[in-house]
């Protein structure tokens, strides 16, 4: 894997040598580090890129995604505030940025008061990329948290029918099992189960 990015790293290093205060150079450095599993260095480069140019939607999104992946669950409040800010800024800068809507939907999914917005964000992401099973699956999980189990099951079954990879099929099947158990469980158990959904909705 390292050899695959050796040439890219050399180009980025040369860009930094010529002018390290170019946001796109820092963004490129972050991407190279990310794909070589150097998460800390990648995040440092993204912080530098945002400091140099806070109006780049992709940089904002990349920092939010990396922060989300690195933070663990549940998100600490400080991490969540920064991630949400980056994603809202990315959407404001680039209103057609489907991935930003999708990840923001995931971040808001655990907030009882944010479920309606979370669903609308996932729906917006799916409308920008029709047929994207990842966004449909997020919609299903939000609906389950709303205790709209029939609607959640309907969407999840649609995702399952179009899933081509075994891992995705297994994840959706686990979610469907969770929904069916939650639907038949007493109300207190529903609340407890829904606080820890079985299916991960994080970015792929």
N, C-alpha and C. Protein backbone atom coordinates (compact mmCIF):
# COMPACT_ATOMS: atom_id res chain seq x y z
N UNK A 1 0.83 -1.21 0.00
CA UNK A 1 0.00 0.00 0.00
C UNK A 1 0.87 1.26 0.00
N UNK A 2 1.97 1.23 0.79
CA UNK A 2 2.83 2.41 0.86
C UNK A 2 3.42 2.73 -0.51
N UNK A 3 3.84 1.68 -1.24
CA UNK A 3 4.43 1.91 -2.55
C UNK A 3 3.46 2.55 -3.51
N UNK A 4 2.18 2.25 -3.37
CA UNK A 4 1.16 2.80 -4.25
C UNK A 4 1.09 4.32 -4.13
N UNK A 5 1.38 4.85 -2.95
CA UNK A 5 1.26 6.29 -2.72
C UNK A 5 2.61 7.00 -2.65
N UNK A 6 3.68 6.26 -2.94
CA UNK A 6 5.01 6.85 -2.84
C UNK A 6 5.17 8.03 -3.79
N UNK A 7 4.70 7.88 -5.02
CA UNK A 7 4.82 8.97 -6.00
C UNK A 7 3.95 10.16 -5.59
N UNK A 8 2.73 9.86 -5.12
CA UNK A 8 1.85 10.93 -4.68
C UNK A 8 2.45 11.69 -3.52
N UNK A 9 3.05 10.94 -2.58
CA UNK A 9 3.68 11.58 -1.42
C UNK A 9 4.81 12.50 -1.85
N UNK A 10 5.59 12.06 -2.83
CA UNK A 10 6.71 12.88 -3.32
C UNK A 10 6.19 14.18 -3.92
N UNK A 11 5.10 14.12 -4.67
CA UNK A 11 4.52 15.33 -5.27
C UNK A 11 4.00 16.28 -4.21
N UNK A 12 3.34 15.72 -3.21
CA UNK A 12 2.80 16.54 -2.13
C UNK A 12 3.93 17.19 -1.34
N UNK A 13 4.96 16.40 -1.05
CA UNK A 13 6.11 16.94 -0.32
C UNK A 13 6.76 18.08 -1.08
N UNK A 14 6.83 17.95 -2.40
CA UNK A 14 7.41 19.01 -3.22
C UNK A 14 6.53 20.26 -3.17
N UNK A 15 5.21 20.05 -3.18
CA UNK A 15 4.29 21.18 -3.06
C UNK A 15 4.45 21.89 -1.73
N UNK A 16 4.64 21.13 -0.67
CA UNK A 16 4.84 21.74 0.64
C UNK A 16 6.16 22.50 0.70
N UNK A 17 7.16 21.95 0.05
CA UNK A 17 8.47 22.62 0.05
C UNK A 17 8.38 23.96 -0.67
N UNK A 18 7.63 24.00 -1.77
CA UNK A 18 7.51 25.24 -2.55
C UNK A 18 6.66 26.26 -1.82
N UNK A 19 5.54 25.81 -1.22
CA UNK A 19 4.67 26.74 -0.50
C UNK A 19 3.73 25.95 0.41
N UNK A 20 4.08 25.78 1.67
CA UNK A 20 3.24 25.00 2.59
C UNK A 20 1.94 25.72 2.97
N UNK A 21 1.84 27.00 2.63
CA UNK A 21 0.65 27.76 3.01
C UNK A 21 -0.37 27.82 1.87
N UNK A 22 -0.50 26.71 1.16
CA UNK A 22 -1.54 26.56 0.13
C UNK A 22 -2.51 25.49 0.62
N UNK A 23 -3.77 25.86 0.75
CA UNK A 23 -4.76 24.95 1.34
C UNK A 23 -4.86 23.63 0.58
N UNK A 24 -4.81 23.68 -0.75
CA UNK A 24 -4.95 22.45 -1.54
C UNK A 24 -3.76 21.51 -1.32
N UNK A 25 -2.60 22.07 -1.06
CA UNK A 25 -1.44 21.22 -0.76
C UNK A 25 -1.67 20.47 0.55
N UNK A 26 -2.18 21.17 1.56
CA UNK A 26 -2.46 20.52 2.84
C UNK A 26 -3.58 19.49 2.69
N UNK A 27 -4.57 19.81 1.86
CA UNK A 27 -5.66 18.86 1.62
C UNK A 27 -5.12 17.59 0.98
N UNK A 28 -4.24 17.76 -0.02
CA UNK A 28 -3.64 16.60 -0.68
C UNK A 28 -2.79 15.80 0.30
N UNK A 29 -2.06 16.49 1.16
CA UNK A 29 -1.26 15.82 2.18
C UNK A 29 -2.15 14.98 3.09
N UNK A 30 -3.29 15.51 3.44
CA UNK A 30 -4.23 14.79 4.29
C UNK A 30 -4.73 13.52 3.62
N UNK A 31 -5.06 13.61 2.34
CA UNK A 31 -5.58 12.45 1.61
C UNK A 31 -4.51 11.35 1.53
N UNK A 32 -3.28 11.74 1.21
CA UNK A 32 -2.19 10.75 1.14
C UNK A 32 -1.98 10.09 2.50
N UNK A 33 -1.97 10.89 3.55
CA UNK A 33 -1.81 10.33 4.89
C UNK A 33 -2.96 9.40 5.26
N UNK A 34 -4.16 9.81 4.90
CA UNK A 34 -5.36 9.04 5.23
C UNK A 34 -5.28 7.64 4.64
N UNK A 35 -4.92 7.56 3.36
CA UNK A 35 -4.89 6.26 2.69
C UNK A 35 -3.67 5.42 3.09
N UNK A 36 -2.78 6.00 3.86
CA UNK A 36 -1.67 5.22 4.40
C UNK A 36 -1.87 4.97 5.90
N UNK A 37 -3.12 5.18 6.35
CA UNK A 37 -3.50 4.92 7.75
C UNK A 37 -2.73 5.78 8.75
N UNK A 38 -2.35 6.98 8.32
CA UNK A 38 -1.71 7.92 9.24
C UNK A 38 -2.77 8.96 9.62
N UNK A 39 -3.69 8.53 10.49
CA UNK A 39 -4.87 9.34 10.79
C UNK A 39 -4.52 10.66 11.48
N UNK A 40 -3.59 10.61 12.43
CA UNK A 40 -3.24 11.82 13.16
C UNK A 40 -2.64 12.86 12.23
N UNK A 41 -1.72 12.43 11.37
CA UNK A 41 -1.11 13.36 10.42
C UNK A 41 -2.14 13.89 9.42
N UNK A 42 -3.06 13.04 9.03
CA UNK A 42 -4.11 13.47 8.09
C UNK A 42 -4.97 14.56 8.72
N UNK A 43 -5.35 14.36 9.97
CA UNK A 43 -6.18 15.35 10.65
C UNK A 43 -5.43 16.66 10.85
N UNK A 44 -4.14 16.59 11.17
CA UNK A 44 -3.34 17.80 11.31
C UNK A 44 -3.29 18.57 9.99
N UNK A 45 -3.14 17.86 8.88
CA UNK A 45 -3.10 18.52 7.58
C UNK A 45 -4.45 19.15 7.24
N UNK A 46 -5.53 18.49 7.61
CA UNK A 46 -6.86 19.07 7.35
C UNK A 46 -7.11 20.29 8.21
N UNK A 47 -6.65 20.25 9.45
CA UNK A 47 -6.77 21.44 10.31
C UNK A 47 -6.02 22.62 9.69
N UNK A 48 -4.83 22.33 9.15
CA UNK A 48 -4.04 23.37 8.50
C UNK A 48 -4.74 23.89 7.26
N UNK A 49 -5.35 22.97 6.49
CA UNK A 49 -6.05 23.37 5.27
C UNK A 49 -7.25 24.27 5.58
N UNK A 50 -8.00 23.91 6.62
CA UNK A 50 -9.16 24.74 7.00
C UNK A 50 -8.71 26.10 7.50
N UNK A 51 -7.60 26.13 8.24
CA UNK A 51 -7.07 27.41 8.73
C UNK A 51 -6.66 28.32 7.58
N UNK A 52 -6.17 27.71 6.51
CA UNK A 52 -5.75 28.48 5.34
C UNK A 52 -6.92 28.88 4.46
N UNK A 53 -7.93 28.03 4.38
CA UNK A 53 -9.10 28.32 3.54
C UNK A 53 -10.30 27.59 4.13
N UNK A 54 -11.12 28.33 4.87
CA UNK A 54 -12.27 27.72 5.55
C UNK A 54 -13.48 27.58 4.63
N UNK A 55 -13.36 28.01 3.38
CA UNK A 55 -14.50 28.00 2.47
C UNK A 55 -14.42 26.88 1.44
N UNK A 56 -13.60 25.87 1.70
CA UNK A 56 -13.50 24.73 0.79
C UNK A 56 -14.39 23.61 1.33
N UNK A 57 -15.43 23.27 0.59
CA UNK A 57 -16.41 22.29 1.06
C UNK A 57 -15.80 20.91 1.25
N UNK A 58 -14.93 20.50 0.33
CA UNK A 58 -14.34 19.16 0.42
C UNK A 58 -13.44 19.05 1.65
N UNK A 59 -12.64 20.07 1.92
CA UNK A 59 -11.78 20.04 3.10
C UNK A 59 -12.61 19.94 4.37
N UNK A 60 -13.67 20.71 4.43
CA UNK A 60 -14.55 20.68 5.60
C UNK A 60 -15.15 19.28 5.77
N UNK A 61 -15.60 18.70 4.65
CA UNK A 61 -16.21 17.37 4.73
C UNK A 61 -15.18 16.33 5.16
N UNK A 62 -14.00 16.37 4.56
CA UNK A 62 -12.97 15.39 4.89
C UNK A 62 -12.59 15.46 6.37
N UNK A 63 -12.49 16.67 6.91
CA UNK A 63 -12.16 16.79 8.33
C UNK A 63 -13.28 16.22 9.19
N UNK A 64 -14.52 16.48 8.79
CA UNK A 64 -15.65 15.94 9.55
C UNK A 64 -15.67 14.41 9.50
N UNK A 65 -15.44 13.85 8.32
CA UNK A 65 -15.48 12.39 8.19
C UNK A 65 -14.35 11.74 8.99
N UNK A 66 -13.15 12.28 8.87
CA UNK A 66 -12.02 11.71 9.60
C UNK A 66 -12.23 11.84 11.11
N UNK A 67 -12.75 12.98 11.53
CA UNK A 67 -13.03 13.19 12.96
C UNK A 67 -14.08 12.20 13.44
N UNK A 68 -15.10 11.97 12.61
CA UNK A 68 -16.16 11.03 12.96
C UNK A 68 -15.60 9.62 13.12
N UNK A 69 -14.76 9.22 12.16
CA UNK A 69 -14.18 7.87 12.20
C UNK A 69 -13.25 7.70 13.40
N UNK A 70 -12.58 8.77 13.79
CA UNK A 70 -11.56 8.67 14.83
C UNK A 70 -12.12 8.84 16.24
N UNK A 71 -13.28 9.45 16.35
CA UNK A 71 -13.78 9.86 17.67
C UNK A 71 -14.35 8.73 18.50
N UNK A 72 -14.82 7.67 17.86
CA UNK A 72 -15.47 6.61 18.61
C UNK A 72 -16.92 6.98 18.92
N UNK A 73 -17.67 5.99 19.37
CA UNK A 73 -19.09 6.20 19.65
C UNK A 73 -19.39 5.92 21.13
N UNK A 74 -20.24 6.71 21.78
CA UNK A 74 -20.87 7.91 21.22
C UNK A 74 -19.89 9.07 21.10
N UNK A 75 -20.21 10.00 20.23
CA UNK A 75 -19.33 11.15 20.01
C UNK A 75 -19.28 12.03 21.25
N UNK A 76 -18.07 12.46 21.60
CA UNK A 76 -17.94 13.46 22.66
C UNK A 76 -18.54 14.77 22.17
N UNK A 77 -19.05 15.57 23.09
CA UNK A 77 -19.75 16.80 22.71
C UNK A 77 -18.85 17.71 21.87
N UNK A 78 -17.61 17.88 22.29
CA UNK A 78 -16.70 18.78 21.57
C UNK A 78 -16.48 18.30 20.13
N UNK A 79 -16.29 17.00 19.97
CA UNK A 79 -16.09 16.44 18.63
C UNK A 79 -17.35 16.63 17.79
N UNK A 80 -18.49 16.37 18.39
CA UNK A 80 -19.75 16.46 17.66
C UNK A 80 -20.01 17.89 17.18
N UNK A 81 -19.71 18.87 18.03
CA UNK A 81 -19.92 20.28 17.65
C UNK A 81 -19.07 20.63 16.44
N UNK A 82 -17.80 20.21 16.45
CA UNK A 82 -16.91 20.54 15.33
C UNK A 82 -17.34 19.82 14.06
N UNK A 83 -17.72 18.56 14.18
CA UNK A 83 -18.14 17.79 13.02
C UNK A 83 -19.39 18.41 12.40
N UNK A 84 -20.37 18.73 13.24
CA UNK A 84 -21.61 19.35 12.72
C UNK A 84 -21.31 20.68 12.05
N UNK A 85 -20.44 21.48 12.64
CA UNK A 85 -20.10 22.78 12.06
C UNK A 85 -19.45 22.60 10.70
N UNK A 86 -18.51 21.67 10.60
CA UNK A 86 -17.85 21.43 9.31
C UNK A 86 -18.86 20.99 8.25
N UNK A 87 -19.76 20.10 8.62
CA UNK A 87 -20.72 19.58 7.65
C UNK A 87 -21.74 20.64 7.23
N UNK A 88 -22.19 21.45 8.17
CA UNK A 88 -23.13 22.51 7.82
C UNK A 88 -22.46 23.55 6.91
N UNK A 89 -21.19 23.82 7.18
CA UNK A 89 -20.46 24.74 6.33
C UNK A 89 -20.26 24.14 4.94
N UNK A 90 -19.95 22.85 4.87
CA UNK A 90 -19.78 22.19 3.58
C UNK A 90 -21.05 22.26 2.75
N UNK A 91 -22.20 22.06 3.41
CA UNK A 91 -23.49 22.13 2.71
C UNK A 91 -23.78 23.55 2.26
N UNK A 92 -23.49 24.53 3.12
CA UNK A 92 -23.73 25.93 2.76
C UNK A 92 -22.88 26.34 1.55
N UNK A 93 -21.64 25.84 1.51
CA UNK A 93 -20.73 26.17 0.41
C UNK A 93 -21.12 25.41 -0.86
N UNK A 94 -21.51 24.14 -0.68
CA UNK A 94 -21.82 23.28 -1.83
C UNK A 94 -23.14 22.55 -1.58
N UNK A 95 -24.27 23.17 -1.90
CA UNK A 95 -25.59 22.62 -1.57
C UNK A 95 -25.92 21.29 -2.24
N UNK A 96 -25.13 20.86 -3.22
CA UNK A 96 -25.38 19.59 -3.89
C UNK A 96 -24.47 18.48 -3.37
N UNK A 97 -23.82 18.69 -2.25
CA UNK A 97 -22.84 17.76 -1.69
C UNK A 97 -23.56 16.66 -0.92
N UNK A 98 -23.92 15.59 -1.60
CA UNK A 98 -24.73 14.54 -1.00
C UNK A 98 -24.09 13.91 0.23
N UNK A 99 -22.79 13.63 0.16
CA UNK A 99 -22.12 12.97 1.28
C UNK A 99 -22.17 13.80 2.55
N UNK A 100 -22.13 15.11 2.42
CA UNK A 100 -22.20 15.97 3.61
C UNK A 100 -23.57 15.86 4.27
N UNK A 101 -24.63 15.83 3.46
CA UNK A 101 -25.98 15.63 4.02
C UNK A 101 -26.06 14.28 4.72
N UNK A 102 -25.50 13.25 4.08
CA UNK A 102 -25.59 11.91 4.65
C UNK A 102 -24.88 11.79 5.98
N UNK A 103 -23.66 12.32 6.07
CA UNK A 103 -22.92 12.20 7.33
C UNK A 103 -23.54 13.06 8.42
N UNK A 104 -24.05 14.24 8.07
CA UNK A 104 -24.71 15.07 9.07
C UNK A 104 -25.96 14.36 9.60
N UNK A 105 -26.66 13.67 8.72
CA UNK A 105 -27.82 12.89 9.16
C UNK A 105 -27.42 11.86 10.21
N UNK A 106 -26.31 11.18 9.96
CA UNK A 106 -25.81 10.17 10.90
C UNK A 106 -25.47 10.81 12.25
N UNK A 107 -24.83 11.96 12.21
CA UNK A 107 -24.41 12.63 13.45
C UNK A 107 -25.60 13.07 14.29
N UNK A 108 -26.70 13.43 13.64
CA UNK A 108 -27.88 13.90 14.37
C UNK A 108 -28.80 12.77 14.79
N UNK A 109 -28.54 11.57 14.28
CA UNK A 109 -29.45 10.46 14.50
C UNK A 109 -29.62 10.08 15.96
N UNK A 110 -28.60 10.30 16.77
CA UNK A 110 -28.67 9.89 18.17
C UNK A 110 -29.35 10.93 19.05
N UNK A 111 -29.68 12.09 18.50
CA UNK A 111 -30.36 13.13 19.27
C UNK A 111 -31.87 12.99 19.08
N UNK A 112 -32.57 12.76 20.16
CA UNK A 112 -34.02 12.60 20.08
C UNK A 112 -34.66 13.79 19.39
N UNK A 113 -34.17 14.99 19.71
CA UNK A 113 -34.75 16.18 19.11
C UNK A 113 -34.29 16.46 17.69
N UNK A 114 -33.33 15.69 17.21
CA UNK A 114 -32.81 15.92 15.87
C UNK A 114 -33.25 14.90 14.85
N UNK A 115 -34.18 14.02 15.22
CA UNK A 115 -34.57 12.93 14.33
C UNK A 115 -35.23 13.42 13.05
N UNK A 116 -36.11 14.41 13.17
CA UNK A 116 -36.79 14.90 11.97
C UNK A 116 -35.79 15.50 10.99
N UNK A 117 -34.85 16.30 11.50
CA UNK A 117 -33.85 16.88 10.62
C UNK A 117 -32.94 15.79 10.06
N UNK A 118 -32.59 14.81 10.89
CA UNK A 118 -31.75 13.72 10.43
C UNK A 118 -32.40 12.99 9.26
N UNK A 119 -33.68 12.71 9.37
CA UNK A 119 -34.39 12.02 8.29
C UNK A 119 -34.40 12.87 7.02
N UNK A 120 -34.69 14.16 7.17
CA UNK A 120 -34.74 15.04 6.00
C UNK A 120 -33.38 15.16 5.32
N UNK A 121 -32.32 15.16 6.11
CA UNK A 121 -30.98 15.24 5.54
C UNK A 121 -30.65 13.98 4.74
N UNK A 122 -30.99 12.81 5.30
CA UNK A 122 -30.75 11.56 4.58
C UNK A 122 -31.59 11.50 3.32
N UNK A 123 -32.81 11.99 3.40
CA UNK A 123 -33.69 12.01 2.23
C UNK A 123 -33.13 12.94 1.15
N UNK A 124 -32.57 14.07 1.57
CA UNK A 124 -31.96 15.00 0.63
C UNK A 124 -30.75 14.35 -0.04
N UNK A 125 -29.93 13.67 0.76
CA UNK A 125 -28.75 12.99 0.20
C UNK A 125 -29.18 11.97 -0.85
N UNK A 126 -30.22 11.21 -0.54
CA UNK A 126 -30.69 10.19 -1.47
C UNK A 126 -31.28 10.82 -2.73
N UNK A 127 -31.91 11.98 -2.59
CA UNK A 127 -32.47 12.65 -3.77
C UNK A 127 -31.37 13.17 -4.69
N UNK A 128 -30.21 13.49 -4.11
CA UNK A 128 -29.08 13.94 -4.92
C UNK A 128 -28.37 12.77 -5.59
N UNK A 129 -28.45 11.61 -4.95
CA UNK A 129 -27.86 10.39 -5.52
C UNK A 129 -28.92 9.29 -5.47
N UNK A 130 -29.91 9.36 -6.35
CA UNK A 130 -31.03 8.41 -6.31
C UNK A 130 -30.56 6.95 -6.36
N UNK A 131 -31.16 6.16 -5.50
CA UNK A 131 -30.82 4.75 -5.48
C UNK A 131 -29.63 4.40 -4.63
N UNK A 132 -29.02 5.39 -3.99
CA UNK A 132 -27.86 5.12 -3.13
C UNK A 132 -28.33 4.40 -1.87
N UNK A 133 -27.98 3.12 -1.76
CA UNK A 133 -28.45 2.31 -0.65
C UNK A 133 -27.96 2.77 0.69
N UNK A 134 -26.78 3.41 0.72
CA UNK A 134 -26.23 3.87 2.00
C UNK A 134 -27.15 4.92 2.62
N UNK A 135 -27.63 5.86 1.81
CA UNK A 135 -28.50 6.91 2.34
C UNK A 135 -29.88 6.35 2.68
N UNK A 136 -30.35 5.42 1.88
CA UNK A 136 -31.63 4.79 2.19
C UNK A 136 -31.55 4.03 3.51
N UNK A 137 -30.42 3.40 3.76
CA UNK A 137 -30.24 2.66 5.01
C UNK A 137 -30.23 3.61 6.20
N UNK A 138 -29.63 4.77 6.04
CA UNK A 138 -29.66 5.78 7.11
C UNK A 138 -31.11 6.19 7.38
N UNK A 139 -31.88 6.41 6.30
CA UNK A 139 -33.29 6.76 6.47
C UNK A 139 -34.03 5.69 7.27
N UNK A 140 -33.75 4.44 6.96
CA UNK A 140 -34.41 3.33 7.68
C UNK A 140 -34.06 3.36 9.16
N UNK A 141 -32.81 3.63 9.48
CA UNK A 141 -32.40 3.66 10.88
C UNK A 141 -33.02 4.83 11.64
N UNK A 142 -33.14 5.97 10.97
CA UNK A 142 -33.79 7.10 11.62
C UNK A 142 -35.26 6.77 11.88
N UNK A 143 -35.92 6.18 10.91
CA UNK A 143 -37.32 5.80 11.09
C UNK A 143 -37.49 4.81 12.24
N UNK A 144 -36.54 3.90 12.41
CA UNK A 144 -36.60 2.96 13.53
C UNK A 144 -36.49 3.71 14.85
N UNK A 145 -35.62 4.71 14.90
CA UNK A 145 -35.50 5.51 16.12
C UNK A 145 -36.77 6.31 16.40
N UNK A 146 -37.50 6.64 15.34
CA UNK A 146 -38.79 7.32 15.50
C UNK A 146 -39.90 6.32 15.87
N UNK A 147 -39.54 5.04 15.93
CA UNK A 147 -40.47 3.95 16.19
C UNK A 147 -41.48 3.78 15.06
N UNK A 148 -41.08 4.19 13.87
CA UNK A 148 -41.90 3.96 12.67
C UNK A 148 -41.37 2.66 12.02
N UNK A 149 -41.64 1.56 12.70
CA UNK A 149 -40.99 0.30 12.34
C UNK A 149 -41.41 -0.23 10.98
N UNK A 150 -42.68 -0.07 10.63
CA UNK A 150 -43.12 -0.57 9.32
C UNK A 150 -42.41 0.16 8.19
N UNK A 151 -42.31 1.49 8.31
CA UNK A 151 -41.63 2.28 7.29
C UNK A 151 -40.15 1.92 7.23
N UNK A 152 -39.54 1.73 8.40
CA UNK A 152 -38.13 1.37 8.45
C UNK A 152 -37.89 0.03 7.77
N UNK A 153 -38.78 -0.92 8.03
CA UNK A 153 -38.64 -2.25 7.43
C UNK A 153 -38.81 -2.19 5.91
N UNK A 154 -39.76 -1.41 5.45
CA UNK A 154 -40.00 -1.29 4.01
C UNK A 154 -38.76 -0.78 3.28
N UNK A 155 -38.14 0.26 3.83
CA UNK A 155 -36.94 0.82 3.19
C UNK A 155 -35.77 -0.15 3.29
N UNK A 156 -35.62 -0.78 4.45
CA UNK A 156 -34.51 -1.73 4.63
C UNK A 156 -34.64 -2.91 3.66
N UNK A 157 -35.84 -3.38 3.43
CA UNK A 157 -36.05 -4.48 2.49
C UNK A 157 -35.68 -4.05 1.07
N UNK A 158 -35.93 -2.80 0.74
CA UNK A 158 -35.56 -2.27 -0.57
C UNK A 158 -34.03 -2.23 -0.70
N UNK A 159 -33.37 -1.80 0.39
CA UNK A 159 -31.91 -1.77 0.38
C UNK A 159 -31.36 -3.19 0.23
N UNK A 160 -31.96 -4.13 0.96
CA UNK A 160 -31.51 -5.52 0.90
C UNK A 160 -31.65 -6.10 -0.50
N UNK A 161 -32.74 -5.78 -1.16
CA UNK A 161 -32.99 -6.31 -2.51
C UNK A 161 -31.95 -5.84 -3.51
N UNK A 162 -31.38 -4.65 -3.25
CA UNK A 162 -30.40 -4.08 -4.19
C UNK A 162 -28.96 -4.25 -3.72
N UNK A 163 -28.78 -4.86 -2.55
CA UNK A 163 -27.42 -5.02 -2.01
C UNK A 163 -26.68 -6.12 -2.77
N UNK A 164 -25.49 -5.81 -3.23
CA UNK A 164 -24.73 -6.78 -4.01
C UNK A 164 -23.62 -7.45 -3.20
N UNK A 165 -23.20 -6.83 -2.10
CA UNK A 165 -22.11 -7.37 -1.30
C UNK A 165 -22.64 -8.08 -0.07
N UNK A 166 -22.00 -9.20 0.29
CA UNK A 166 -22.45 -10.00 1.41
C UNK A 166 -22.42 -9.23 2.72
N UNK A 167 -21.39 -8.42 2.91
CA UNK A 167 -21.29 -7.64 4.14
C UNK A 167 -22.47 -6.70 4.29
N UNK A 168 -22.85 -6.05 3.20
CA UNK A 168 -24.00 -5.14 3.24
C UNK A 168 -25.29 -5.91 3.52
N UNK A 169 -25.44 -7.06 2.89
CA UNK A 169 -26.63 -7.88 3.12
C UNK A 169 -26.72 -8.32 4.58
N UNK A 170 -25.59 -8.72 5.14
CA UNK A 170 -25.57 -9.15 6.54
C UNK A 170 -25.96 -7.99 7.47
N UNK A 171 -25.44 -6.81 7.17
CA UNK A 171 -25.73 -5.65 8.02
C UNK A 171 -27.21 -5.30 7.98
N UNK A 172 -27.79 -5.32 6.78
CA UNK A 172 -29.21 -5.00 6.66
C UNK A 172 -30.06 -6.07 7.33
N UNK A 173 -29.67 -7.33 7.20
CA UNK A 173 -30.42 -8.41 7.85
C UNK A 173 -30.38 -8.27 9.37
N UNK A 174 -29.23 -7.87 9.91
CA UNK A 174 -29.15 -7.64 11.36
C UNK A 174 -30.09 -6.50 11.77
N UNK A 175 -30.11 -5.46 10.94
CA UNK A 175 -31.00 -4.34 11.24
C UNK A 175 -32.47 -4.78 11.20
N UNK A 176 -32.83 -5.58 10.20
CA UNK A 176 -34.22 -6.05 10.08
C UNK A 176 -34.61 -6.89 11.29
N UNK A 177 -33.69 -7.70 11.76
CA UNK A 177 -33.96 -8.50 12.96
C UNK A 177 -34.17 -7.59 14.17
N UNK A 178 -33.34 -6.57 14.27
CA UNK A 178 -33.47 -5.59 15.35
C UNK A 178 -34.83 -4.89 15.30
N UNK A 179 -35.25 -4.47 14.10
CA UNK A 179 -36.53 -3.78 13.95
C UNK A 179 -37.68 -4.68 14.36
N UNK A 180 -37.65 -5.93 13.94
CA UNK A 180 -38.75 -6.84 14.26
C UNK A 180 -38.83 -7.13 15.75
N UNK A 181 -37.68 -7.22 16.41
CA UNK A 181 -37.68 -7.43 17.86
C UNK A 181 -38.16 -6.17 18.58
N UNK A 182 -37.69 -5.02 18.12
CA UNK A 182 -38.08 -3.75 18.76
C UNK A 182 -39.57 -3.51 18.63
N UNK A 183 -40.13 -3.88 17.49
CA UNK A 183 -41.55 -3.64 17.23
C UNK A 183 -42.42 -4.45 18.19
N UNK A 184 -41.95 -5.63 18.57
CA UNK A 184 -42.76 -6.49 19.43
C UNK A 184 -42.41 -6.36 20.90
N UNK A 185 -41.37 -5.55 21.21
CA UNK A 185 -40.94 -5.41 22.61
C UNK A 185 -41.78 -4.38 23.34
N UNK A 186 -41.87 -4.48 24.67
CA UNK A 186 -42.55 -3.44 25.46
C UNK A 186 -41.85 -2.10 25.26
N UNK A 187 -42.58 -1.03 25.49
CA UNK A 187 -42.06 0.32 25.24
C UNK A 187 -40.74 0.62 25.93
N UNK A 188 -40.54 0.28 27.22
CA UNK A 188 -39.24 0.59 27.85
C UNK A 188 -38.08 -0.11 27.14
N UNK A 189 -38.30 -1.35 26.70
CA UNK A 189 -37.25 -2.06 25.99
C UNK A 189 -36.97 -1.43 24.63
N UNK A 190 -38.00 -0.91 23.99
CA UNK A 190 -37.81 -0.21 22.72
C UNK A 190 -36.84 0.93 22.89
N UNK A 191 -37.04 1.72 23.94
CA UNK A 191 -36.19 2.88 24.15
C UNK A 191 -34.75 2.45 24.39
N UNK A 192 -34.58 1.38 25.17
CA UNK A 192 -33.23 0.92 25.46
C UNK A 192 -32.55 0.40 24.20
N UNK A 193 -33.24 -0.37 23.39
CA UNK A 193 -32.66 -0.92 22.17
C UNK A 193 -32.31 0.17 21.18
N UNK A 194 -33.19 1.14 21.05
CA UNK A 194 -32.98 2.16 20.04
C UNK A 194 -31.83 3.09 20.38
N UNK A 195 -31.38 3.08 21.64
CA UNK A 195 -30.23 3.91 21.98
C UNK A 195 -28.94 3.32 21.46
N UNK A 196 -28.99 2.04 21.06
CA UNK A 196 -27.80 1.36 20.55
C UNK A 196 -28.17 0.55 19.31
N UNK A 197 -28.40 1.20 18.17
CA UNK A 197 -28.80 0.48 16.97
C UNK A 197 -27.75 -0.54 16.57
N UNK A 198 -28.20 -1.67 16.04
CA UNK A 198 -27.27 -2.74 15.70
C UNK A 198 -26.51 -2.46 14.42
N UNK A 199 -27.07 -1.65 13.55
CA UNK A 199 -26.44 -1.42 12.25
C UNK A 199 -25.71 -0.09 12.24
N UNK A 200 -24.46 -0.13 11.84
CA UNK A 200 -23.67 1.10 11.77
C UNK A 200 -24.08 1.92 10.57
N UNK A 201 -24.25 3.22 10.78
CA UNK A 201 -24.61 4.10 9.67
C UNK A 201 -23.48 5.04 9.32
N UNK A 202 -22.31 4.74 9.80
CA UNK A 202 -21.18 5.63 9.54
C UNK A 202 -20.77 5.64 8.07
N UNK A 203 -19.99 6.60 7.69
CA UNK A 203 -19.57 6.71 6.30
C UNK A 203 -18.72 5.54 5.87
N UNK A 204 -18.86 5.14 4.62
CA UNK A 204 -18.08 4.02 4.08
C UNK A 204 -16.80 4.51 3.46
